[in-house]
Amino acid sequence: MTLSLEEVEHIAMLARLNLSEMEKELFRFQLSSILDYVARLQTLDTQDIPPTFSAIPLHGRRRPDEPEAGLQLQDLLRNAPQQEDGQFRIPPVFE
């Protein structure tokens, strides 16, 4: 796909670039080459290629998630500044 000079000027205007005539011609050639390559990629048959989550193998260093006993109530409330009836007591927000 060959871009016209007007299309390159429009892209340059959107990008707020002031290009010389030589730069416009250079970018017209380069952008056209990129668009041709993308068009070639779109013709590839990817039907039998599975989607991948990551290109590198994932080897997590996490422990297995197994249920364990939690803290006892007295251990949980040991450092509470205030407690009442086996619960944390907090000062009221509104009085």
N, C-alpha and C. Protein backbone atom coordinates (compact mmCIF):
# COMPACT_ATOMS: atom_id res chain seq x y z
N MET A 1 0.86 -1.17 0.00
CA MET A 1 0.00 0.00 0.00
C MET A 1 0.91 1.24 0.00
N THR A 2 0.81 1.99 -1.05
CA THR A 2 1.64 3.19 -1.16
C THR A 2 0.85 4.39 -0.68
N LEU A 3 1.42 5.09 0.27
CA LEU A 3 0.78 6.30 0.78
C LEU A 3 1.04 7.46 -0.17
N SER A 4 0.07 8.33 -0.24
CA SER A 4 0.27 9.54 -1.04
C SER A 4 0.99 10.59 -0.20
N LEU A 5 1.51 11.59 -0.86
CA LEU A 5 2.18 12.68 -0.17
C LEU A 5 1.20 13.43 0.73
N GLU A 6 -0.05 13.54 0.29
CA GLU A 6 -1.08 14.22 1.09
C GLU A 6 -1.35 13.45 2.38
N GLU A 7 -1.36 12.12 2.31
CA GLU A 7 -1.58 11.31 3.52
C GLU A 7 -0.44 11.47 4.51
N VAL A 8 0.78 11.52 3.99
CA VAL A 8 1.93 11.73 4.87
C VAL A 8 1.86 13.12 5.51
N GLU A 9 1.49 14.12 4.75
CA GLU A 9 1.35 15.47 5.30
C GLU A 9 0.26 15.52 6.36
N HIS A 10 -0.82 14.78 6.14
CA HIS A 10 -1.90 14.73 7.13
C HIS A 10 -1.42 14.06 8.42
N ILE A 11 -0.70 12.96 8.29
CA ILE A 11 -0.16 12.27 9.47
C ILE A 11 0.81 13.19 10.20
N ALA A 12 1.66 13.88 9.46
CA ALA A 12 2.62 14.80 10.08
C ALA A 12 1.88 15.93 10.80
N MET A 13 0.80 16.42 10.23
CA MET A 13 0.03 17.48 10.87
C MET A 13 -0.60 16.97 12.17
N LEU A 14 -1.13 15.74 12.16
CA LEU A 14 -1.72 15.17 13.38
C LEU A 14 -0.67 14.97 14.46
N ALA A 15 0.55 14.64 14.05
CA ALA A 15 1.64 14.42 15.00
C ALA A 15 2.37 15.72 15.34
N ARG A 16 1.91 16.83 14.77
CA ARG A 16 2.52 18.14 15.00
C ARG A 16 4.00 18.15 14.60
N LEU A 17 4.27 17.56 13.43
CA LEU A 17 5.63 17.52 12.91
C LEU A 17 5.76 18.45 11.72
N ASN A 18 6.82 19.21 11.69
CA ASN A 18 7.15 20.03 10.53
C ASN A 18 8.21 19.30 9.73
N LEU A 19 7.81 18.74 8.61
CA LEU A 19 8.72 17.93 7.81
C LEU A 19 9.14 18.68 6.56
N SER A 20 10.38 18.48 6.19
CA SER A 20 10.86 19.03 4.92
C SER A 20 10.33 18.15 3.79
N GLU A 21 10.48 18.60 2.57
CA GLU A 21 10.02 17.81 1.42
C GLU A 21 10.78 16.49 1.34
N MET A 22 12.06 16.52 1.67
CA MET A 22 12.86 15.30 1.64
C MET A 22 12.39 14.31 2.72
N GLU A 23 12.07 14.83 3.91
CA GLU A 23 11.58 13.97 5.00
C GLU A 23 10.21 13.38 4.66
N LYS A 24 9.37 14.17 4.03
CA LYS A 24 8.05 13.66 3.64
C LYS A 24 8.19 12.49 2.68
N GLU A 25 9.09 12.60 1.74
CA GLU A 25 9.29 11.51 0.79
C GLU A 25 9.89 10.28 1.49
N LEU A 26 10.83 10.51 2.38
CA LEU A 26 11.43 9.41 3.14
C LEU A 26 10.37 8.69 3.98
N PHE A 27 9.56 9.45 4.71
CA PHE A 27 8.52 8.84 5.54
C PHE A 27 7.43 8.19 4.70
N ARG A 28 7.17 8.73 3.52
CA ARG A 28 6.18 8.11 2.64
C ARG A 28 6.66 6.71 2.25
N PHE A 29 7.93 6.60 1.94
CA PHE A 29 8.50 5.29 1.59
C PHE A 29 8.50 4.35 2.80
N GLN A 30 8.95 4.84 3.95
CA GLN A 30 9.04 3.98 5.14
C GLN A 30 7.67 3.54 5.63
N LEU A 31 6.72 4.47 5.70
CA LEU A 31 5.38 4.11 6.17
C LEU A 31 4.69 3.15 5.19
N SER A 32 4.90 3.34 3.92
CA SER A 32 4.33 2.43 2.93
C SER A 32 4.91 1.03 3.09
N SER A 33 6.21 0.93 3.37
CA SER A 33 6.84 -0.37 3.58
C SER A 33 6.25 -1.06 4.81
N ILE A 34 6.02 -0.30 5.88
CA ILE A 34 5.44 -0.87 7.10
C ILE A 34 4.03 -1.38 6.83
N LEU A 35 3.24 -0.60 6.11
CA LEU A 35 1.87 -1.03 5.81
C LEU A 35 1.86 -2.25 4.89
N ASP A 36 2.80 -2.34 3.96
CA ASP A 36 2.89 -3.53 3.11
C ASP A 36 3.23 -4.77 3.95
N TYR A 37 4.11 -4.61 4.91
CA TYR A 37 4.50 -5.73 5.77
C TYR A 37 3.31 -6.19 6.62
N VAL A 38 2.56 -5.24 7.16
CA VAL A 38 1.38 -5.59 7.95
C VAL A 38 0.36 -6.32 7.08
N ALA A 39 0.20 -5.89 5.84
CA ALA A 39 -0.73 -6.57 4.93
C ALA A 39 -0.28 -8.00 4.67
N ARG A 40 1.03 -8.22 4.57
CA ARG A 40 1.55 -9.58 4.40
C ARG A 40 1.26 -10.42 5.63
N LEU A 41 1.40 -9.84 6.82
CA LEU A 41 1.14 -10.59 8.06
C LEU A 41 -0.33 -10.99 8.17
N GLN A 42 -1.21 -10.16 7.65
CA GLN A 42 -2.64 -10.47 7.74
C GLN A 42 -3.03 -11.64 6.86
N THR A 43 -2.20 -12.01 5.91
CA THR A 43 -2.53 -13.15 5.04
C THR A 43 -2.11 -14.49 5.65
N LEU A 44 -1.35 -14.47 6.74
CA LEU A 44 -0.90 -15.71 7.36
C LEU A 44 -2.07 -16.48 7.97
N ASP A 45 -2.02 -17.80 7.83
CA ASP A 45 -3.04 -18.66 8.43
C ASP A 45 -2.61 -18.99 9.86
N THR A 46 -3.33 -18.48 10.82
CA THR A 46 -3.02 -18.72 12.23
C THR A 46 -4.08 -19.59 12.90
N GLN A 47 -4.86 -20.30 12.11
CA GLN A 47 -5.97 -21.10 12.63
C GLN A 47 -5.51 -22.17 13.61
N ASP A 48 -4.39 -22.85 13.31
CA ASP A 48 -3.93 -23.95 14.16
C ASP A 48 -2.89 -23.53 15.19
N ILE A 49 -2.69 -22.26 15.35
CA ILE A 49 -1.71 -21.78 16.33
C ILE A 49 -2.47 -21.38 17.60
N PRO A 50 -2.18 -22.07 18.72
CA PRO A 50 -2.92 -21.73 19.96
C PRO A 50 -2.50 -20.37 20.50
N PRO A 51 -3.43 -19.65 21.08
CA PRO A 51 -3.06 -18.38 21.70
C PRO A 51 -2.15 -18.62 22.89
N THR A 52 -1.21 -17.76 23.11
CA THR A 52 -0.28 -17.92 24.21
C THR A 52 -0.46 -16.80 25.20
N PHE A 53 -0.34 -17.15 26.46
CA PHE A 53 -0.43 -16.16 27.53
C PHE A 53 0.90 -15.47 27.71
N SER A 54 1.97 -16.24 27.58
CA SER A 54 3.31 -15.71 27.77
C SER A 54 4.26 -16.43 26.84
N ALA A 55 5.22 -15.72 26.33
CA ALA A 55 6.20 -16.33 25.44
C ALA A 55 7.25 -17.11 26.21
N ILE A 56 7.37 -16.88 27.50
CA ILE A 56 8.33 -17.60 28.32
C ILE A 56 7.58 -18.50 29.28
N PRO A 57 8.16 -19.64 29.63
CA PRO A 57 7.46 -20.54 30.56
C PRO A 57 7.32 -19.91 31.95
N LEU A 58 6.19 -20.13 32.54
CA LEU A 58 5.94 -19.57 33.86
C LEU A 58 6.22 -20.63 34.92
N HIS A 59 7.18 -20.37 35.74
CA HIS A 59 7.52 -21.26 36.84
C HIS A 59 7.39 -20.46 38.13
N GLY A 60 6.22 -20.50 38.70
CA GLY A 60 5.98 -19.73 39.91
C GLY A 60 6.68 -20.34 41.11
N ARG A 61 7.05 -19.49 41.99
CA ARG A 61 7.71 -19.93 43.22
C ARG A 61 6.73 -19.84 44.39
N ARG A 62 5.47 -20.02 44.10
CA ARG A 62 4.46 -19.89 45.14
C ARG A 62 4.21 -21.23 45.81
N ARG A 63 3.81 -21.16 47.06
CA ARG A 63 3.48 -22.38 47.78
C ARG A 63 2.09 -22.82 47.37
N PRO A 64 1.78 -24.09 47.54
CA PRO A 64 0.42 -24.53 47.23
C PRO A 64 -0.58 -23.89 48.19
N ASP A 65 -1.74 -23.59 47.67
CA ASP A 65 -2.79 -22.96 48.48
C ASP A 65 -3.56 -24.05 49.21
N GLU A 66 -3.20 -24.24 50.47
CA GLU A 66 -3.85 -25.26 51.28
C GLU A 66 -4.46 -24.61 52.51
N PRO A 67 -5.66 -25.02 52.89
CA PRO A 67 -6.29 -24.42 54.07
C PRO A 67 -5.52 -24.77 55.34
N GLU A 68 -5.42 -23.81 56.23
CA GLU A 68 -4.74 -24.00 57.51
C GLU A 68 -5.60 -23.38 58.60
N ALA A 69 -5.33 -23.78 59.81
CA ALA A 69 -6.07 -23.22 60.94
C ALA A 69 -5.70 -21.74 61.11
N GLY A 70 -6.69 -20.93 61.45
CA GLY A 70 -6.45 -19.51 61.66
C GLY A 70 -6.00 -19.21 63.08
N LEU A 71 -5.91 -17.93 63.40
CA LEU A 71 -5.51 -17.51 64.74
C LEU A 71 -6.62 -17.77 65.75
N GLN A 72 -6.22 -18.05 66.96
CA GLN A 72 -7.18 -18.17 68.05
C GLN A 72 -7.66 -16.76 68.41
N LEU A 73 -8.87 -16.66 68.93
CA LEU A 73 -9.46 -15.36 69.23
C LEU A 73 -8.59 -14.56 70.20
N GLN A 74 -8.08 -15.20 71.25
CA GLN A 74 -7.27 -14.46 72.23
C GLN A 74 -5.96 -13.95 71.60
N ASP A 75 -5.38 -14.71 70.65
CA ASP A 75 -4.18 -14.24 69.96
C ASP A 75 -4.51 -13.07 69.04
N LEU A 76 -5.65 -13.14 68.41
CA LEU A 76 -6.06 -12.09 67.49
C LEU A 76 -6.30 -10.77 68.21
N LEU A 77 -6.92 -10.82 69.36
CA LEU A 77 -7.27 -9.60 70.09
C LEU A 77 -6.18 -9.14 71.05
N ARG A 78 -5.08 -9.84 71.14
CA ARG A 78 -4.03 -9.54 72.11
C ARG A 78 -3.51 -8.10 71.97
N ASN A 79 -3.29 -7.61 70.78
CA ASN A 79 -2.73 -6.27 70.57
C ASN A 79 -3.79 -5.21 70.27
N ALA A 80 -5.05 -5.56 70.40
CA ALA A 80 -6.11 -4.58 70.13
C ALA A 80 -6.11 -3.51 71.21
N PRO A 81 -6.13 -2.23 70.84
CA PRO A 81 -6.16 -1.17 71.85
C PRO A 81 -7.41 -1.25 72.72
N GLN A 82 -8.54 -1.61 72.11
CA GLN A 82 -9.78 -1.78 72.87
C GLN A 82 -10.51 -2.99 72.32
N GLN A 83 -11.13 -3.73 73.21
CA GLN A 83 -11.94 -4.87 72.79
C GLN A 83 -13.16 -4.98 73.69
N GLU A 84 -14.20 -5.57 73.14
CA GLU A 84 -15.44 -5.73 73.90
C GLU A 84 -16.19 -6.93 73.35
N ASP A 85 -16.55 -7.85 74.22
CA ASP A 85 -17.30 -9.06 73.86
C ASP A 85 -16.62 -9.86 72.75
N GLY A 86 -15.30 -9.98 72.80
CA GLY A 86 -14.58 -10.78 71.82
C GLY A 86 -14.49 -10.13 70.45
N GLN A 87 -14.62 -8.80 70.40
CA GLN A 87 -14.54 -8.07 69.13
C GLN A 87 -13.68 -6.83 69.31
N PHE A 88 -13.18 -6.34 68.19
CA PHE A 88 -12.45 -5.08 68.23
C PHE A 88 -13.43 -3.96 68.56
N ARG A 89 -13.02 -3.07 69.44
CA ARG A 89 -13.83 -1.89 69.77
C ARG A 89 -13.14 -0.70 69.14
N ILE A 90 -13.86 0.02 68.30
CA ILE A 90 -13.29 1.20 67.68
C ILE A 90 -14.08 2.42 68.11
N PRO A 91 -13.45 3.58 68.15
CA PRO A 91 -14.18 4.77 68.53
C PRO A 91 -15.24 5.09 67.45
N PRO A 92 -16.36 5.64 67.88
CA PRO A 92 -17.41 5.96 66.91
C PRO A 92 -16.93 7.05 65.94
N VAL A 93 -17.39 6.93 64.72
CA VAL A 93 -17.04 7.91 63.69
C VAL A 93 -17.90 9.15 63.88
N PHE A 94 -19.18 8.95 64.13
CA PHE A 94 -20.12 10.05 64.36
C PHE A 94 -20.61 9.96 65.79
N GLU A 95 -20.70 11.06 66.45
CA GLU A 95 -21.23 11.04 67.82
C GLU A 95 -22.53 11.78 67.88
